[in-house]
Amino acid sequence: MTARTATRWIGGLLAVALMALGSSASATPIYDEGSDGAVSTDPFTPTVITAVLGSNEIVLTFGPSDTVNYFEIDLGGMTLTQVLLNSFQTQPGNAASLLVNCDTGSVCSPWNPLASEKLETAAVGSDLLPGLLADLGVSDVLTNRWGTAESQEATTVSLTFVVAAVPEPSIALMCGVAALAMAGLRHRREH
């Protein structure tokens, strides 16, 4: 096998490994309180929403009678990469926040969350996750228990939780080996 043929084979393997890393499911479930039922107002029994690979939109409607909603995102071994604010509708002057409560199995007071982001001041399209991670003092969300809280008026908020697969160690290893092999062949060809 010539060096050129080996380079093509290794390049092909690297391309296959990168495609496997970047693949995502095309179906995206949307949880909408208007059609799927109300999200729990009980911190001891949050509504469980199962995430899939890719974008997971959640539409919440809350107001004077249910000022705090609790939901839990089941990541199923995947990782949360973004929390995007799609829309926020309420009366002028009303305040609302996205809360990160305690780890699954424990409960925090909604008025003393681990982290929170004000929705009324966030730009539509912005990623709320960096601010939440800064509040938590970590580089990754260690909890999947969330909540929303608002003060007075009816509020509708749409959020997208973007979930990515945690790379399989074998795929990451294959990418690394292929990259090293290509570098070695290139070095060999130059000398």
C-alpha atoms as a PDB file:
ATOM      1  CA  MET A   1       0.000   0.000   0.000  1.00  0.00           C
ATOM      2  CA  THR A   2       1.411   3.356  -1.002  1.00  0.00           C
ATOM      3  CA  ALA A   3       1.533   6.355   1.277  1.00  0.00           C
ATOM      4  CA  ARG A   4      -1.098   8.092  -0.883  1.00  0.00           C
ATOM      5  CA  THR A   5      -3.509   5.134  -0.579  1.00  0.00           C
ATOM      6  CA  ALA A   6      -2.909   4.910   3.171  1.00  0.00           C
ATOM      7  CA  THR A   7      -3.587   8.644   3.508  1.00  0.00           C
ATOM      8  CA  ARG A   8      -6.883   8.259   1.636  1.00  0.00           C
ATOM      9  CA  TRP A   9      -7.962   5.327   3.833  1.00  0.00           C
ATOM     10  CA  ILE A  10      -7.063   7.163   7.013  1.00  0.00           C
ATOM     11  CA  GLY A  11      -8.769  10.345   5.781  1.00  0.00           C
ATOM     12  CA  GLY A  12     -11.896   8.309   5.017  1.00  0.00           C
ATOM     13  CA  LEU A  13     -11.870   6.758   8.500  1.00  0.00           C
ATOM     14  CA  LEU A  14     -11.449  10.205  10.049  1.00  0.00           C
ATOM     15  CA  ALA A  15     -14.396  11.537   8.021  1.00  0.00           C
ATOM     16  CA  VAL A  16     -16.605   8.619   9.123  1.00  0.00           C
ATOM     17  CA  ALA A  17     -15.631   9.165  12.770  1.00  0.00           C
ATOM     18  CA  LEU A  18     -16.372  12.898  12.552  1.00  0.00           C
ATOM     19  CA  MET A  19     -19.771  12.206  10.970  1.00  0.00           C
ATOM     20  CA  ALA A  20     -20.580   9.800  13.801  1.00  0.00           C
ATOM     21  CA  LEU A  21     -19.665  12.488  16.325  1.00  0.00           C
ATOM     22  CA  GLY A  22     -21.779  15.142  14.658  1.00  0.00           C
ATOM     23  CA  SER A  23     -24.912  13.133  13.876  1.00  0.00           C
ATOM     24  CA  SER A  24     -28.149  14.103  15.567  1.00  0.00           C
ATOM     25  CA  ALA A  25     -31.721  12.947  15.593  1.00  0.00           C
ATOM     26  CA  SER A  26     -34.085  14.778  13.288  1.00  0.00           C
ATOM     27  CA  ALA A  27     -37.205  14.410  15.429  1.00  0.00           C
ATOM     28  CA  THR A  28     -37.536  16.996  18.190  1.00  0.00           C
ATOM     29  CA  PRO A  29     -40.247  16.718  20.816  1.00  0.00           C
ATOM     30  CA  ILE A  30     -41.862  19.955  21.920  1.00  0.00           C
ATOM     31  CA  TYR A  31     -43.426  20.242  25.373  1.00  0.00           C
ATOM     32  CA  ASP A  32     -46.140  22.873  25.300  1.00  0.00           C
ATOM     33  CA  GLU A  33     -48.257  23.539  28.379  1.00  0.00           C
ATOM     34  CA  GLY A  34     -51.099  24.608  26.100  1.00  0.00           C
ATOM     35  CA  SER A  35     -51.394  21.138  24.551  1.00  0.00           C
ATOM     36  CA  ASP A  36     -49.430  18.771  26.819  1.00  0.00           C
ATOM     37  CA  GLY A  37     -50.829  19.853  30.167  1.00  0.00           C
ATOM     38  CA  ALA A  38     -49.656  22.077  32.974  1.00  0.00           C
ATOM     39  CA  VAL A  39     -46.138  21.790  34.339  1.00  0.00           C
ATOM     40  CA  SER A  40     -46.031  20.895  38.029  1.00  0.00           C
ATOM     41  CA  THR A  41     -46.234  23.597  40.672  1.00  0.00           C
ATOM     42  CA  ASP A  42     -45.036  21.124  43.320  1.00  0.00           C
ATOM     43  CA  PRO A  43     -41.256  21.119  43.935  1.00  0.00           C
ATOM     44  CA  PHE A  44     -41.456  17.529  45.215  1.00  0.00           C
ATOM     45  CA  THR A  45     -42.971  16.204  41.956  1.00  0.00           C
ATOM     46  CA  PRO A  46     -41.610  18.155  38.983  1.00  0.00           C
ATOM     47  CA  THR A  47     -42.875  17.368  35.484  1.00  0.00           C
ATOM     48  CA  VAL A  48     -40.347  15.075  33.767  1.00  0.00           C
ATOM     49  CA  ILE A  49     -39.498  15.981  30.168  1.00  0.00           C
ATOM     50  CA  THR A  50     -37.322  13.495  28.291  1.00  0.00           C
ATOM     51  CA  ALA A  51     -34.799  15.168  25.996  1.00  0.00           C
ATOM     52  CA  VAL A  52     -33.620  13.836  22.660  1.00  0.00           C
ATOM     53  CA  LEU A  53     -30.440  14.589  20.780  1.00  0.00           C
ATOM     54  CA  GLY A  54     -30.653  18.073  19.276  1.00  0.00           C
ATOM     55  CA  SER A  55     -33.094  20.872  20.077  1.00  0.00           C
ATOM     56  CA  ASN A  56     -35.847  20.400  22.660  1.00  0.00           C
ATOM     57  CA  GLU A  57     -38.312  23.292  22.774  1.00  0.00           C
ATOM     58  CA  ILE A  58     -40.374  23.816  25.913  1.00  0.00           C
ATOM     59  CA  VAL A  59     -43.205  26.355  25.999  1.00  0.00           C
ATOM     60  CA  LEU A  60     -44.352  27.368  29.483  1.00  0.00           C
ATOM     61  CA  THR A  61     -47.341  29.487  30.422  1.00  0.00           C
ATOM     62  CA  PHE A  62     -47.585  30.626  34.010  1.00  0.00           C
ATOM     63  CA  GLY A  63     -49.299  33.391  35.851  1.00  0.00           C
ATOM     64  CA  PRO A  64     -50.855  34.692  39.014  1.00  0.00           C
ATOM     65  CA  SER A  65     -52.233  31.333  40.147  1.00  0.00           C
ATOM     66  CA  ASP A  66     -49.065  29.295  39.448  1.00  0.00           C
ATOM     67  CA  THR A  67     -46.122  31.615  39.926  1.00  0.00           C
ATOM     68  CA  VAL A  68     -43.534  28.825  40.098  1.00  0.00           C
ATOM     69  CA  ASN A  69     -43.297  25.847  37.726  1.00  0.00           C
ATOM     70  CA  TYR A  70     -41.006  22.857  38.259  1.00  0.00           C
ATOM     71  CA  PHE A  71     -39.721  20.572  35.531  1.00  0.00           C
ATOM     72  CA  GLU A  72     -36.963  18.033  35.223  1.00  0.00           C
ATOM     73  CA  ILE A  73     -35.088  17.383  31.995  1.00  0.00           C
ATOM     74  CA  ASP A  74     -34.039  13.757  31.602  1.00  0.00           C
ATOM     75  CA  LEU A  75     -30.831  14.015  29.549  1.00  0.00           C
ATOM     76  CA  GLY A  76     -30.441  10.241  29.269  1.00  0.00           C
ATOM     77  CA  GLY A  77     -26.649  10.327  29.541  1.00  0.00           C
ATOM     78  CA  MET A  78     -26.303  13.203  27.057  1.00  0.00           C
ATOM     79  CA  THR A  79     -24.994  16.676  27.830  1.00  0.00           C
ATOM     80  CA  LEU A  80     -26.724  20.054  27.806  1.00  0.00           C
ATOM     81  CA  THR A  81     -24.911  22.518  25.505  1.00  0.00           C
ATOM     82  CA  GLN A  82     -27.283  25.506  25.294  1.00  0.00           C
ATOM     83  CA  VAL A  83     -30.452  26.952  26.801  1.00  0.00           C
ATOM     84  CA  LEU A  84     -31.853  29.379  24.227  1.00  0.00           C
ATOM     85  CA  LEU A  85     -34.557  31.949  24.906  1.00  0.00           C
ATOM     86  CA  ASN A  86     -36.934  31.780  21.915  1.00  0.00           C
ATOM     87  CA  SER A  87     -39.591  34.166  23.197  1.00  0.00           C
ATOM     88  CA  PHE A  88     -40.799  35.899  26.331  1.00  0.00           C
ATOM     89  CA  GLN A  89     -44.241  37.491  26.578  1.00  0.00           C
ATOM     90  CA  THR A  90     -45.630  39.230  29.624  1.00  0.00           C
ATOM     91  CA  GLN A  91     -46.990  42.581  30.802  1.00  0.00           C
ATOM     92  CA  PRO A  92     -44.530  45.505  30.976  1.00  0.00           C
ATOM     93  CA  GLY A  93     -42.720  45.631  34.297  1.00  0.00           C
ATOM     94  CA  ASN A  94     -43.326  41.964  35.118  1.00  0.00           C
ATOM     95  CA  ALA A  95     -40.327  39.908  36.256  1.00  0.00           C
ATOM     96  CA  ALA A  96     -39.639  36.256  35.488  1.00  0.00           C
ATOM     97  CA  SER A  97     -36.623  33.982  35.882  1.00  0.00           C
ATOM     98  CA  LEU A  98     -35.342  30.599  34.765  1.00  0.00           C
ATOM     99  CA  LEU A  99     -34.146  28.763  37.865  1.00  0.00           C
ATOM    100  CA  VAL A 100     -31.704  25.926  38.395  1.00  0.00           C
ATOM    101  CA  ASN A 101     -32.912  24.141  41.490  1.00  0.00           C
ATOM    102  CA  CYS A 102     -31.226  21.289  43.336  1.00  0.00           C
ATOM    103  CA  ASP A 103     -29.946  18.014  41.978  1.00  0.00           C
ATOM    104  CA  THR A 104     -32.525  15.352  41.342  1.00  0.00           C
ATOM    105  CA  GLY A 105     -33.710  13.874  44.604  1.00  0.00           C
ATOM    106  CA  SER A 106     -33.386  17.040  46.651  1.00  0.00           C
ATOM    107  CA  VAL A 107     -35.486  20.192  46.686  1.00  0.00           C
ATOM    108  CA  CYS A 108     -34.541  23.838  47.016  1.00  0.00           C
ATOM    109  CA  SER A 109     -36.756  26.758  47.763  1.00  0.00           C
ATOM    110  CA  PRO A 110     -37.745  28.456  44.508  1.00  0.00           C
ATOM    111  CA  TRP A 111     -36.730  31.727  46.111  1.00  0.00           C
ATOM    112  CA  ASN A 112     -33.249  30.394  46.906  1.00  0.00           C
ATOM    113  CA  PRO A 113     -32.203  28.540  43.706  1.00  0.00           C
ATOM    114  CA  LEU A 114     -28.680  27.433  42.897  1.00  0.00           C
ATOM    115  CA  ALA A 115     -28.702  29.741  39.845  1.00  0.00           C
ATOM    116  CA  SER A 116     -31.132  31.967  37.980  1.00  0.00           C
ATOM    117  CA  GLU A 117     -31.343  34.087  34.843  1.00  0.00           C
ATOM    118  CA  LYS A 118     -33.771  36.991  34.476  1.00  0.00           C
ATOM    119  CA  LEU A 119     -35.907  36.422  31.389  1.00  0.00           C
ATOM    120  CA  GLU A 120     -37.284  39.947  31.107  1.00  0.00           C
ATOM    121  CA  THR A 121     -33.782  41.376  30.472  1.00  0.00           C
ATOM    122  CA  ALA A 122     -32.421  38.544  28.299  1.00  0.00           C
ATOM    123  CA  ALA A 123     -32.337  39.044  24.545  1.00  0.00           C
ATOM    124  CA  VAL A 124     -34.465  36.707  22.457  1.00  0.00           C
ATOM    125  CA  GLY A 125     -32.122  34.200  20.825  1.00  0.00           C
ATOM    126  CA  SER A 126     -29.553  34.459  23.614  1.00  0.00           C
ATOM    127  CA  ASP A 127     -27.972  31.458  25.315  1.00  0.00           C
ATOM    128  CA  LEU A 128     -28.818  31.505  29.038  1.00  0.00           C
ATOM    129  CA  LEU A 129     -26.507  28.609  29.926  1.00  0.00           C
ATOM    130  CA  PRO A 130     -23.231  30.603  30.342  1.00  0.00           C
ATOM    131  CA  GLY A 131     -24.832  32.878  32.957  1.00  0.00           C
ATOM    132  CA  LEU A 132     -26.297  29.902  34.805  1.00  0.00           C
ATOM    133  CA  LEU A 133     -22.929  28.115  34.788  1.00  0.00           C
ATOM    134  CA  ALA A 134     -21.233  31.261  36.121  1.00  0.00           C
ATOM    135  CA  ASP A 135     -23.784  31.403  38.965  1.00  0.00           C
ATOM    136  CA  LEU A 136     -23.156  27.730  39.697  1.00  0.00           C
ATOM    137  CA  GLY A 137     -19.376  28.144  39.498  1.00  0.00           C
ATOM    138  CA  VAL A 138     -19.028  25.042  37.302  1.00  0.00           C
ATOM    139  CA  SER A 139     -18.294  24.267  33.648  1.00  0.00           C
ATOM    140  CA  ASP A 140     -21.224  21.872  33.184  1.00  0.00           C
ATOM    141  CA  VAL A 141     -24.770  21.642  34.520  1.00  0.00           C
ATOM    142  CA  LEU A 142     -24.769  19.036  37.270  1.00  0.00           C
ATOM    143  CA  THR A 143     -28.508  19.175  37.752  1.00  0.00           C
ATOM    144  CA  ASN A 144     -31.501  18.467  35.583  1.00  0.00           C
ATOM    145  CA  ARG A 145     -34.096  20.069  37.869  1.00  0.00           C
ATOM    146  CA  TRP A 146     -35.338  23.446  36.648  1.00  0.00           C
ATOM    147  CA  GLY A 147     -38.056  25.941  37.413  1.00  0.00           C
ATOM    148  CA  THR A 148     -39.559  29.194  36.310  1.00  0.00           C
ATOM    149  CA  ALA A 149     -40.760  31.901  38.645  1.00  0.00           C
ATOM    150  CA  GLU A 150     -42.584  35.137  37.984  1.00  0.00           C
ATOM    151  CA  SER A 151     -44.066  37.917  40.030  1.00  0.00           C
ATOM    152  CA  GLN A 152     -47.551  39.077  39.043  1.00  0.00           C
ATOM    153  CA  GLU A 153     -48.854  38.670  35.496  1.00  0.00           C
ATOM    154  CA  ALA A 154     -49.539  35.881  33.002  1.00  0.00           C
ATOM    155  CA  THR A 155     -46.312  34.970  31.205  1.00  0.00           C
ATOM    156  CA  THR A 156     -45.421  32.740  28.254  1.00  0.00           C
ATOM    157  CA  VAL A 157     -41.833  31.706  27.662  1.00  0.00           C
ATOM    158  CA  SER A 158     -40.331  29.447  25.002  1.00  0.00           C
ATOM    159  CA  LEU A 159     -36.941  27.869  25.710  1.00  0.00           C
ATOM    160  CA  THR A 160     -34.847  25.450  23.671  1.00  0.00           C
ATOM    161  CA  PHE A 161     -32.627  23.032  25.553  1.00  0.00           C
ATOM    162  CA  VAL A 162     -29.930  21.876  23.108  1.00  0.00           C
ATOM    163  CA  VAL A 163     -28.599  18.433  23.940  1.00  0.00           C
ATOM    164  CA  ALA A 164     -25.507  16.761  22.470  1.00  0.00           C
ATOM    165  CA  ALA A 165     -24.239  13.226  22.652  1.00  0.00           C
ATOM    166  CA  VAL A 166     -21.271  12.545  24.860  1.00  0.00           C
ATOM    167  CA  PRO A 167     -18.676  11.182  22.397  1.00  0.00           C
ATOM    168  CA  GLU A 168     -18.084   7.467  22.642  1.00  0.00           C
ATOM    169  CA  PRO A 169     -14.514   6.849  23.824  1.00  0.00           C
ATOM    170  CA  SER A 170     -13.936   4.541  20.837  1.00  0.00           C
ATOM    171  CA  ILE A 171     -14.936   7.259  18.341  1.00  0.00           C
ATOM    172  CA  ALA A 172     -12.723   9.828  20.030  1.00  0.00           C
ATOM    173  CA  LEU A 173      -9.861   7.314  20.043  1.00  0.00           C
ATOM    174  CA  MET A 174     -10.421   6.528  16.362  1.00  0.00           C
ATOM    175  CA  CYS A 175     -10.297  10.256  15.514  1.00  0.00           C
ATOM    176  CA  GLY A 176      -7.068  10.653  17.457  1.00  0.00           C
ATOM    177  CA  VAL A 177      -5.395   7.622  15.884  1.00  0.00           C
ATOM    178  CA  ALA A 178      -6.415   8.702  12.378  1.00  0.00           C
ATOM    179  CA  ALA A 179      -5.105  12.243  12.939  1.00  0.00           C
ATOM    180  CA  LEU A 180      -1.789  10.921  14.284  1.00  0.00           C
ATOM    181  CA  ALA A 181      -1.441   8.490  11.383  1.00  0.00           C
ATOM    182  CA  MET A 182      -2.070  11.242   8.843  1.00  0.00           C
ATOM    183  CA  ALA A 183       0.480  13.494  10.564  1.00  0.00           C
ATOM    184  CA  GLY A 184       3.001  10.651  10.585  1.00  0.00           C
ATOM    185  CA  LEU A 185       2.512   9.925   6.878  1.00  0.00           C
ATOM    186  CA  ARG A 186       2.823  13.604   6.024  1.00  0.00           C
ATOM    187  CA  HIS A 187       6.036  13.864   8.093  1.00  0.00           C
ATOM    188  CA  ARG A 188       7.401  10.718   6.415  1.00  0.00           C
ATOM    189  CA  ARG A 189       6.621  12.072   2.950  1.00  0.00           C
ATOM    190  CA  GLU A 190       8.395  15.373   3.691  1.00  0.00           C
ATOM    191  CA  HIS A 191      11.610  13.657   4.827  1.00  0.00           C
END
